[in-house]
């Protein structure tokens, strides 16, 4: 759940990607439109996976955003985020209770996962500049691994043997 300081009552439900390899938090431009605020622009260089893969672009520098997991109480301040025309759609990787229940080793964690919401989009990638969101505790000792963070529970590892992806997906 995304909120903006000084805008009580205005909330946007979104999926997020937590990526400790990213040094910056990125937010989809639709978040800026939703809150209707103006932010300063800045030229940036974004680098991806390979050394020779980079993009120079202009973005908005968004401040005042806050995030809370839908089943969590803690609200986390996002120090700053850079705008992006669209964050990678990774909703096909969302673990919901029904998926978790199918794995005997992790089925007992299913109650901690909210039901999948097909109308909710991926609108934010949280980088390591939002340190509090990076705090994680691994709750089991063999994969797939269940992690608990201030934003809720997640799964690291393969949940099915037949991946829906036909090509590598690197954020």
N, C-alpha and C. Protein backbone atom coordinates (compact mmCIF):
# COMPACT_ATOMS: atom_id res chain seq x y z
N UNK A 1 0.85 -1.17 0.00
CA UNK A 1 0.00 0.00 0.00
C UNK A 1 0.90 1.23 0.00
N UNK A 2 0.79 2.03 -1.05
CA UNK A 2 1.59 3.25 -1.18
C UNK A 2 0.78 4.44 -0.70
N UNK A 3 1.42 5.29 0.10
CA UNK A 3 0.80 6.53 0.54
C UNK A 3 1.82 7.65 0.35
N UNK A 4 1.34 8.89 0.51
CA UNK A 4 2.21 10.05 0.39
C UNK A 4 2.05 10.89 1.66
N UNK A 5 3.15 11.29 2.24
CA UNK A 5 3.09 12.15 3.42
C UNK A 5 2.25 13.38 3.08
N UNK A 6 1.54 13.87 4.04
CA UNK A 6 0.69 15.07 3.90
C UNK A 6 -0.49 14.87 2.96
N UNK A 7 -0.82 13.62 2.65
CA UNK A 7 -2.00 13.32 1.84
C UNK A 7 -2.78 12.19 2.52
N UNK A 8 -3.31 12.46 3.71
CA UNK A 8 -4.00 11.39 4.45
C UNK A 8 -5.21 10.85 3.69
N UNK A 9 -5.37 9.55 3.77
CA UNK A 9 -6.53 8.92 3.15
C UNK A 9 -6.35 8.53 1.70
N UNK A 10 -5.31 9.00 1.04
CA UNK A 10 -5.09 8.64 -0.36
C UNK A 10 -4.10 7.47 -0.39
N UNK A 11 -4.57 6.29 -0.83
CA UNK A 11 -3.77 5.07 -0.82
C UNK A 11 -3.85 4.37 -2.16
N UNK A 12 -2.73 3.79 -2.57
CA UNK A 12 -2.66 3.07 -3.84
C UNK A 12 -2.13 1.67 -3.56
N UNK A 13 -2.87 0.66 -3.93
CA UNK A 13 -2.43 -0.72 -3.76
C UNK A 13 -1.54 -1.08 -4.95
N UNK A 14 -0.39 -1.70 -4.67
CA UNK A 14 0.56 -2.04 -5.72
C UNK A 14 1.38 -3.25 -5.29
N UNK A 15 1.85 -4.00 -6.26
CA UNK A 15 2.88 -5.00 -6.00
C UNK A 15 4.22 -4.30 -6.10
N UNK A 16 5.20 -4.81 -5.35
CA UNK A 16 6.54 -4.21 -5.43
C UNK A 16 7.57 -5.31 -5.61
N UNK A 17 8.66 -4.92 -6.19
CA UNK A 17 9.83 -5.78 -6.33
C UNK A 17 10.84 -5.27 -5.31
N UNK A 18 11.38 -6.16 -4.50
CA UNK A 18 12.46 -5.78 -3.59
C UNK A 18 13.75 -6.31 -4.20
N UNK A 19 14.66 -5.40 -4.52
CA UNK A 19 15.86 -5.78 -5.27
C UNK A 19 17.11 -5.20 -4.60
N UNK A 20 17.78 -6.04 -3.82
CA UNK A 20 18.98 -5.56 -3.12
C UNK A 20 20.15 -5.27 -4.06
N UNK A 21 20.04 -5.64 -5.31
CA UNK A 21 21.09 -5.31 -6.27
C UNK A 21 20.91 -3.92 -6.88
N UNK A 22 19.74 -3.32 -6.67
CA UNK A 22 19.50 -1.95 -7.16
C UNK A 22 19.88 -0.97 -6.06
N UNK A 23 20.61 0.08 -6.43
CA UNK A 23 21.00 1.06 -5.42
C UNK A 23 19.99 2.20 -5.30
N UNK A 24 18.96 2.19 -6.13
CA UNK A 24 17.93 3.23 -6.10
C UNK A 24 16.55 2.61 -6.18
N UNK A 25 15.61 3.25 -5.52
CA UNK A 25 14.22 2.85 -5.61
C UNK A 25 13.60 3.52 -6.82
N UNK A 26 12.82 2.76 -7.57
CA UNK A 26 12.16 3.28 -8.77
C UNK A 26 10.66 3.16 -8.61
N UNK A 27 9.95 4.16 -9.09
CA UNK A 27 8.50 4.16 -8.99
C UNK A 27 7.92 4.43 -10.37
N UNK A 28 6.88 3.70 -10.69
CA UNK A 28 6.20 3.88 -11.97
C UNK A 28 5.58 5.28 -12.03
N UNK A 29 5.60 5.89 -13.19
CA UNK A 29 5.05 7.24 -13.36
C UNK A 29 3.56 7.31 -13.02
N UNK A 30 2.86 6.16 -13.06
CA UNK A 30 1.44 6.16 -12.69
C UNK A 30 1.23 6.47 -11.21
N UNK A 31 2.24 6.21 -10.39
CA UNK A 31 2.16 6.56 -8.97
C UNK A 31 2.15 8.08 -8.82
N UNK A 32 3.02 8.75 -9.56
CA UNK A 32 3.07 10.22 -9.53
C UNK A 32 1.73 10.79 -9.99
N UNK A 33 1.19 10.23 -11.06
CA UNK A 33 -0.12 10.69 -11.56
C UNK A 33 -1.21 10.48 -10.51
N UNK A 34 -1.19 9.34 -9.82
CA UNK A 34 -2.21 9.04 -8.82
C UNK A 34 -2.21 10.08 -7.70
N UNK A 35 -1.03 10.45 -7.22
CA UNK A 35 -0.96 11.41 -6.12
C UNK A 35 -1.04 12.85 -6.61
N UNK A 36 -0.85 13.09 -7.90
CA UNK A 36 -1.05 14.41 -8.48
C UNK A 36 -0.09 15.49 -7.98
N UNK A 37 1.11 15.10 -7.64
CA UNK A 37 2.10 16.07 -7.17
C UNK A 37 3.16 16.28 -8.24
N UNK A 38 3.81 17.43 -8.17
CA UNK A 38 4.88 17.74 -9.11
C UNK A 38 6.22 17.55 -8.39
N UNK A 39 7.18 16.96 -9.08
CA UNK A 39 8.49 16.72 -8.51
C UNK A 39 9.57 17.21 -9.47
N UNK A 40 10.75 17.56 -8.96
CA UNK A 40 11.83 18.04 -9.82
C UNK A 40 12.37 16.92 -10.73
N UNK A 41 12.86 17.33 -11.89
CA UNK A 41 13.46 16.38 -12.85
C UNK A 41 14.96 16.31 -12.64
N UNK A 42 15.53 15.18 -13.07
CA UNK A 42 16.97 14.96 -12.97
C UNK A 42 17.39 14.01 -14.08
N UNK A 43 18.54 14.26 -14.70
CA UNK A 43 19.10 13.34 -15.68
C UNK A 43 19.85 12.25 -14.93
N UNK A 44 19.66 10.99 -15.37
CA UNK A 44 20.32 9.86 -14.71
C UNK A 44 20.82 8.87 -15.75
N UNK A 45 21.71 8.00 -15.31
CA UNK A 45 22.17 6.87 -16.11
C UNK A 45 21.79 5.61 -15.35
N UNK A 46 21.03 4.72 -15.99
CA UNK A 46 20.66 3.45 -15.37
C UNK A 46 21.46 2.34 -16.03
N UNK A 47 22.05 1.49 -15.21
CA UNK A 47 22.83 0.36 -15.72
C UNK A 47 22.12 -0.93 -15.33
N UNK A 48 22.16 -1.91 -16.22
CA UNK A 48 21.45 -3.18 -16.03
C UNK A 48 22.38 -4.35 -16.27
N UNK A 49 22.40 -5.29 -15.38
CA UNK A 49 23.01 -6.62 -15.51
C UNK A 49 24.39 -6.64 -16.17
N UNK A 50 24.49 -6.20 -17.40
CA UNK A 50 25.77 -6.21 -18.12
C UNK A 50 26.38 -4.82 -18.08
N UNK A 51 27.69 -4.75 -18.09
CA UNK A 51 28.41 -3.47 -18.02
C UNK A 51 28.05 -2.55 -19.19
N UNK A 52 27.81 -3.13 -20.37
CA UNK A 52 27.56 -2.31 -21.55
C UNK A 52 26.07 -2.04 -21.80
N UNK A 53 25.24 -2.34 -20.84
CA UNK A 53 23.81 -2.13 -20.99
C UNK A 53 23.38 -0.98 -20.08
N UNK A 54 23.22 0.21 -20.67
CA UNK A 54 22.83 1.36 -19.88
C UNK A 54 21.94 2.30 -20.68
N UNK A 55 21.16 3.08 -19.94
CA UNK A 55 20.24 4.04 -20.54
C UNK A 55 20.44 5.38 -19.86
N UNK A 56 20.56 6.44 -20.63
CA UNK A 56 20.60 7.79 -20.09
C UNK A 56 19.22 8.38 -20.32
N UNK A 57 18.63 8.91 -19.27
CA UNK A 57 17.26 9.40 -19.36
C UNK A 57 17.02 10.50 -18.33
N UNK A 58 15.88 11.11 -18.41
CA UNK A 58 15.46 12.10 -17.43
C UNK A 58 14.33 11.48 -16.61
N UNK A 59 14.33 11.76 -15.34
CA UNK A 59 13.29 11.21 -14.46
C UNK A 59 12.87 12.26 -13.45
N UNK A 60 11.81 11.97 -12.74
CA UNK A 60 11.38 12.79 -11.62
C UNK A 60 11.98 12.20 -10.35
N UNK A 61 12.35 13.06 -9.41
CA UNK A 61 12.85 12.61 -8.12
C UNK A 61 11.70 12.76 -7.13
N UNK A 62 11.15 11.62 -6.71
CA UNK A 62 9.94 11.58 -5.90
C UNK A 62 10.31 11.45 -4.42
N UNK A 63 9.78 12.33 -3.61
CA UNK A 63 9.99 12.28 -2.16
C UNK A 63 8.63 12.25 -1.46
N UNK A 64 8.63 11.74 -0.25
CA UNK A 64 7.41 11.73 0.55
C UNK A 64 6.61 10.45 0.46
N UNK A 65 7.06 9.49 -0.36
CA UNK A 65 6.34 8.22 -0.47
C UNK A 65 6.55 7.37 0.77
N UNK A 66 5.52 6.60 1.10
CA UNK A 66 5.60 5.62 2.18
C UNK A 66 4.98 4.32 1.68
N UNK A 67 5.42 3.21 2.26
CA UNK A 67 4.91 1.91 1.85
C UNK A 67 4.62 1.07 3.08
N UNK A 68 3.59 0.24 2.95
CA UNK A 68 3.20 -0.69 4.01
C UNK A 68 2.73 -1.98 3.35
N UNK A 69 3.17 -3.11 3.87
CA UNK A 69 2.66 -4.39 3.40
C UNK A 69 1.19 -4.52 3.77
N UNK A 70 0.38 -5.13 2.93
CA UNK A 70 -1.07 -5.18 3.18
C UNK A 70 -1.43 -5.95 4.44
N UNK A 71 -0.59 -6.88 4.87
CA UNK A 71 -0.84 -7.61 6.11
C UNK A 71 0.09 -7.16 7.24
N UNK A 72 0.76 -6.02 7.04
CA UNK A 72 1.72 -5.50 8.01
C UNK A 72 1.20 -4.20 8.61
N UNK A 73 1.73 -3.86 9.76
CA UNK A 73 1.36 -2.61 10.41
C UNK A 73 2.39 -1.50 10.17
N UNK A 74 3.66 -1.88 10.01
CA UNK A 74 4.73 -0.89 9.90
C UNK A 74 4.66 -0.10 8.59
N UNK A 75 4.79 1.20 8.71
CA UNK A 75 4.86 2.08 7.55
C UNK A 75 6.33 2.47 7.37
N UNK A 76 6.83 2.30 6.16
CA UNK A 76 8.24 2.57 5.85
C UNK A 76 8.33 3.79 4.96
N UNK A 77 9.15 4.76 5.37
CA UNK A 77 9.41 5.92 4.53
C UNK A 77 10.37 5.53 3.41
N UNK A 78 10.05 5.95 2.21
CA UNK A 78 10.95 5.76 1.07
C UNK A 78 11.71 7.07 0.92
N UNK A 79 13.03 7.07 1.17
CA UNK A 79 13.78 8.33 1.19
C UNK A 79 13.64 9.15 -0.10
N UNK A 80 13.74 8.47 -1.21
CA UNK A 80 13.52 9.09 -2.52
C UNK A 80 13.35 7.97 -3.53
N UNK A 81 12.68 8.27 -4.59
CA UNK A 81 12.50 7.29 -5.67
C UNK A 81 12.65 8.04 -6.99
N UNK A 82 13.16 7.35 -7.98
CA UNK A 82 13.24 7.96 -9.31
C UNK A 82 12.12 7.37 -10.16
N UNK A 83 11.53 8.22 -10.98
CA UNK A 83 10.40 7.76 -11.80
C UNK A 83 10.89 6.93 -12.96
N UNK A 84 10.03 6.05 -13.40
CA UNK A 84 10.31 5.16 -14.51
C UNK A 84 9.01 5.00 -15.29
N UNK A 85 9.07 5.02 -16.63
CA UNK A 85 7.83 4.93 -17.40
C UNK A 85 7.04 3.65 -17.14
N UNK A 86 7.72 2.56 -16.84
CA UNK A 86 6.98 1.39 -16.43
C UNK A 86 7.91 0.34 -15.84
N UNK A 87 7.53 -0.13 -14.66
CA UNK A 87 8.29 -1.14 -13.92
C UNK A 87 7.95 -2.52 -14.53
N UNK A 88 8.93 -3.41 -14.55
CA UNK A 88 8.72 -4.75 -15.11
C UNK A 88 7.53 -5.44 -14.45
N UNK A 89 6.66 -6.02 -15.25
CA UNK A 89 5.50 -6.75 -14.74
C UNK A 89 5.95 -8.14 -14.31
N UNK A 90 6.06 -8.33 -13.01
CA UNK A 90 6.47 -9.62 -12.47
C UNK A 90 5.32 -10.29 -11.69
N UNK A 91 4.10 -9.91 -12.02
CA UNK A 91 2.96 -10.48 -11.28
C UNK A 91 2.85 -11.99 -11.46
N UNK A 92 3.42 -12.54 -12.53
CA UNK A 92 3.38 -13.99 -12.72
C UNK A 92 4.23 -14.71 -11.66
N UNK A 93 5.03 -13.98 -10.90
CA UNK A 93 5.87 -14.56 -9.87
C UNK A 93 5.31 -14.37 -8.46
N UNK A 94 4.15 -13.75 -8.34
CA UNK A 94 3.56 -13.51 -7.02
C UNK A 94 3.14 -14.83 -6.39
N UNK A 95 3.58 -15.03 -5.16
CA UNK A 95 3.22 -16.24 -4.42
C UNK A 95 1.98 -15.95 -3.58
N UNK A 96 0.92 -16.68 -3.83
CA UNK A 96 -0.29 -16.50 -3.03
C UNK A 96 -0.51 -17.76 -2.19
N UNK A 97 -1.47 -17.73 -1.28
CA UNK A 97 -1.67 -18.88 -0.38
C UNK A 97 -1.88 -20.21 -1.10
N UNK A 98 -2.58 -20.19 -2.22
CA UNK A 98 -2.84 -21.44 -2.94
C UNK A 98 -1.57 -22.07 -3.48
N UNK A 99 -0.64 -21.25 -3.94
CA UNK A 99 0.64 -21.77 -4.45
C UNK A 99 1.47 -22.31 -3.29
N UNK A 100 1.51 -21.57 -2.20
CA UNK A 100 2.31 -21.98 -1.04
C UNK A 100 1.79 -23.30 -0.47
N UNK A 101 0.48 -23.49 -0.43
CA UNK A 101 -0.12 -24.71 0.12
C UNK A 101 0.27 -25.96 -0.67
N UNK A 102 0.64 -25.82 -1.93
CA UNK A 102 1.00 -26.96 -2.77
C UNK A 102 2.38 -27.53 -2.47
N UNK A 103 3.16 -26.83 -1.67
CA UNK A 103 4.52 -27.27 -1.33
C UNK A 103 4.55 -27.74 0.11
N UNK A 104 4.66 -29.05 0.33
CA UNK A 104 4.59 -29.59 1.69
C UNK A 104 5.56 -28.94 2.68
N UNK A 105 6.77 -28.59 2.24
CA UNK A 105 7.76 -28.02 3.16
C UNK A 105 7.40 -26.61 3.62
N UNK A 106 6.60 -25.89 2.84
CA UNK A 106 6.31 -24.49 3.20
C UNK A 106 4.81 -24.21 3.37
N UNK A 107 3.99 -25.23 3.23
CA UNK A 107 2.53 -25.05 3.27
C UNK A 107 2.05 -24.35 4.55
N UNK A 108 2.73 -24.59 5.65
CA UNK A 108 2.30 -24.00 6.92
C UNK A 108 2.49 -22.47 6.97
N UNK A 109 3.15 -21.89 5.96
CA UNK A 109 3.32 -20.43 5.89
C UNK A 109 2.21 -19.77 5.07
N UNK A 110 1.33 -20.54 4.46
CA UNK A 110 0.33 -20.01 3.52
C UNK A 110 -0.52 -18.89 4.11
N UNK A 111 -0.85 -18.98 5.37
CA UNK A 111 -1.72 -17.96 6.00
C UNK A 111 -1.08 -16.57 6.02
N UNK A 112 0.23 -16.49 5.82
CA UNK A 112 0.94 -15.20 5.85
C UNK A 112 0.97 -14.50 4.49
N UNK A 113 0.45 -15.15 3.47
CA UNK A 113 0.47 -14.60 2.12
C UNK A 113 -0.93 -14.12 1.73
N UNK A 114 -1.05 -12.87 1.26
CA UNK A 114 -2.37 -12.40 0.82
C UNK A 114 -2.75 -13.04 -0.51
N UNK A 115 -4.04 -13.11 -0.75
CA UNK A 115 -4.53 -13.65 -2.03
C UNK A 115 -4.06 -12.77 -3.18
N UNK A 116 -3.79 -13.39 -4.31
CA UNK A 116 -3.37 -12.66 -5.50
C UNK A 116 -4.50 -11.75 -5.96
N UNK A 117 -4.14 -10.54 -6.34
CA UNK A 117 -5.12 -9.57 -6.84
C UNK A 117 -4.78 -9.22 -8.28
N UNK A 118 -5.49 -9.78 -9.25
CA UNK A 118 -5.12 -9.60 -10.65
C UNK A 118 -5.23 -8.15 -11.15
N UNK A 119 -5.99 -7.31 -10.47
CA UNK A 119 -6.13 -5.92 -10.90
C UNK A 119 -5.06 -5.00 -10.32
N UNK A 120 -4.18 -5.53 -9.47
CA UNK A 120 -3.10 -4.74 -8.87
C UNK A 120 -1.85 -4.91 -9.73
N UNK A 121 -1.16 -3.80 -9.98
CA UNK A 121 0.00 -3.81 -10.86
C UNK A 121 1.30 -3.63 -10.07
N UNK A 122 2.42 -4.01 -10.68
CA UNK A 122 3.74 -3.76 -10.10
C UNK A 122 4.08 -2.30 -10.40
N UNK A 123 4.19 -1.50 -9.35
CA UNK A 123 4.40 -0.06 -9.54
C UNK A 123 5.63 0.48 -8.84
N UNK A 124 6.36 -0.37 -8.15
CA UNK A 124 7.55 0.11 -7.44
C UNK A 124 8.60 -0.99 -7.35
N UNK A 125 9.85 -0.59 -7.53
CA UNK A 125 11.00 -1.46 -7.30
C UNK A 125 11.78 -0.81 -6.17
N UNK A 126 11.87 -1.51 -5.05
CA UNK A 126 12.55 -0.96 -3.88
C UNK A 126 14.00 -1.40 -3.91
N UNK A 127 14.88 -0.42 -3.92
CA UNK A 127 16.31 -0.67 -3.92
C UNK A 127 16.88 -0.57 -2.52
N UNK A 128 18.18 -0.80 -2.42
CA UNK A 128 18.80 -0.83 -1.10
C UNK A 128 18.93 0.54 -0.45
N UNK A 129 18.55 1.62 -1.16
CA UNK A 129 18.51 2.93 -0.52
C UNK A 129 17.35 3.03 0.46
N UNK A 130 16.43 2.09 0.41
CA UNK A 130 15.33 1.99 1.38
C UNK A 130 15.67 0.84 2.32
N UNK A 131 16.64 1.07 3.18
CA UNK A 131 17.23 0.01 4.00
C UNK A 131 16.21 -0.78 4.82
N UNK A 132 15.27 -0.10 5.42
CA UNK A 132 14.33 -0.81 6.31
C UNK A 132 13.58 -1.91 5.58
N UNK A 133 13.22 -1.66 4.31
CA UNK A 133 12.49 -2.67 3.53
C UNK A 133 13.38 -3.88 3.21
N UNK A 134 14.70 -3.72 3.31
CA UNK A 134 15.63 -4.81 3.01
C UNK A 134 15.79 -5.79 4.17
N UNK A 135 15.37 -5.41 5.38
CA UNK A 135 15.51 -6.29 6.53
C UNK A 135 14.73 -7.57 6.27
N UNK A 136 15.39 -8.70 6.43
CA UNK A 136 14.72 -9.96 6.15
C UNK A 136 15.21 -11.05 7.10
N UNK A 137 14.31 -11.97 7.37
CA UNK A 137 14.63 -13.12 8.20
C UNK A 137 14.21 -14.36 7.40
N UNK A 138 15.14 -15.28 7.20
CA UNK A 138 14.83 -16.53 6.50
C UNK A 138 14.26 -17.50 7.53
N UNK A 139 13.07 -18.05 7.23
CA UNK A 139 12.34 -18.85 8.21
C UNK A 139 12.48 -20.36 8.04
N UNK A 140 13.18 -20.81 7.00
CA UNK A 140 13.38 -22.26 6.84
C UNK A 140 14.77 -22.51 6.29
N UNK A 141 15.19 -23.78 6.30
CA UNK A 141 16.58 -24.07 5.95
C UNK A 141 16.77 -24.83 4.63
N UNK A 142 15.70 -24.97 3.84
CA UNK A 142 15.87 -25.54 2.50
C UNK A 142 14.81 -24.91 1.59
N UNK A 143 15.14 -24.84 0.30
CA UNK A 143 14.28 -24.13 -0.65
C UNK A 143 13.01 -24.86 -1.01
N UNK A 144 12.02 -24.13 -1.49
CA UNK A 144 12.03 -22.68 -1.61
C UNK A 144 12.03 -22.02 -0.22
N UNK A 145 12.74 -20.88 -0.12
CA UNK A 145 12.93 -20.22 1.16
C UNK A 145 11.84 -19.19 1.42
N UNK A 146 11.35 -19.17 2.64
CA UNK A 146 10.36 -18.18 3.06
C UNK A 146 11.11 -17.09 3.81
N UNK A 147 10.90 -15.85 3.37
CA UNK A 147 11.52 -14.69 4.02
C UNK A 147 10.44 -13.81 4.60
N UNK A 148 10.71 -13.29 5.79
CA UNK A 148 9.82 -12.33 6.42
C UNK A 148 10.54 -10.99 6.47
N UNK A 149 9.86 -9.95 6.00
CA UNK A 149 10.40 -8.60 6.03
C UNK A 149 9.35 -7.67 6.62
N UNK A 150 9.69 -6.43 6.87
CA UNK A 150 8.69 -5.48 7.37
C UNK A 150 7.50 -5.31 6.42
N UNK A 151 7.66 -5.67 5.15
CA UNK A 151 6.56 -5.55 4.19
C UNK A 151 5.73 -6.82 4.09
N UNK A 152 6.16 -7.89 4.71
CA UNK A 152 5.41 -9.14 4.65
C UNK A 152 6.31 -10.31 4.32
N UNK A 153 5.69 -11.37 3.83
CA UNK A 153 6.38 -12.61 3.53
C UNK A 153 6.62 -12.74 2.03
N UNK A 154 7.72 -13.40 1.68
CA UNK A 154 8.01 -13.65 0.27
C UNK A 154 8.70 -15.01 0.14
N UNK A 155 8.81 -15.47 -1.09
CA UNK A 155 9.45 -16.74 -1.39
C UNK A 155 10.65 -16.48 -2.27
N UNK A 156 11.77 -17.12 -1.94
CA UNK A 156 12.96 -17.07 -2.77
C UNK A 156 13.24 -18.50 -3.21
N UNK A 157 13.23 -18.71 -4.50
CA UNK A 157 13.44 -20.05 -5.04
C UNK A 157 12.32 -20.39 -5.99
N UNK A 158 12.44 -21.53 -6.61
CA UNK A 158 11.47 -21.95 -7.61
C UNK A 158 10.25 -22.58 -6.94
N UNK A 159 9.08 -22.12 -7.35
CA UNK A 159 7.84 -22.70 -6.82
C UNK A 159 7.26 -23.77 -7.73
N UNK A 160 7.75 -23.83 -8.95
CA UNK A 160 7.25 -24.87 -9.86
C UNK A 160 8.37 -25.30 -10.78
N UNK A 161 8.30 -26.52 -11.25
CA UNK A 161 9.37 -27.05 -12.10
C UNK A 161 9.26 -26.55 -13.54
N UNK A 162 8.07 -26.18 -13.98
CA UNK A 162 7.89 -25.69 -15.34
C UNK A 162 7.70 -24.18 -15.31
N UNK A 163 8.77 -23.45 -15.57
CA UNK A 163 8.70 -21.99 -15.54
C UNK A 163 7.86 -21.46 -16.68
N UNK A 164 7.10 -20.40 -16.41
CA UNK A 164 6.31 -19.75 -17.45
C UNK A 164 7.19 -18.89 -18.36
N UNK A 165 8.41 -18.65 -17.91
CA UNK A 165 9.31 -17.79 -18.69
C UNK A 165 10.07 -18.61 -19.72
N UNK A 166 10.07 -18.13 -20.94
CA UNK A 166 10.80 -18.82 -21.99
C UNK A 166 12.17 -18.20 -22.21
N UNK A 167 12.44 -17.10 -21.53
CA UNK A 167 13.74 -16.43 -21.65
C UNK A 167 14.13 -15.88 -20.29
N UNK A 168 15.42 -15.60 -20.09
CA UNK A 168 15.86 -15.07 -18.79
C UNK A 168 15.16 -13.76 -18.47
N UNK A 169 14.85 -13.57 -17.20
CA UNK A 169 14.19 -12.37 -16.73
C UNK A 169 15.11 -11.76 -15.68
N UNK A 170 15.88 -10.72 -16.06
CA UNK A 170 16.83 -10.08 -15.17
C UNK A 170 16.39 -8.64 -14.97
N UNK A 171 16.17 -8.25 -13.73
CA UNK A 171 15.76 -6.88 -13.45
C UNK A 171 16.99 -5.98 -13.39
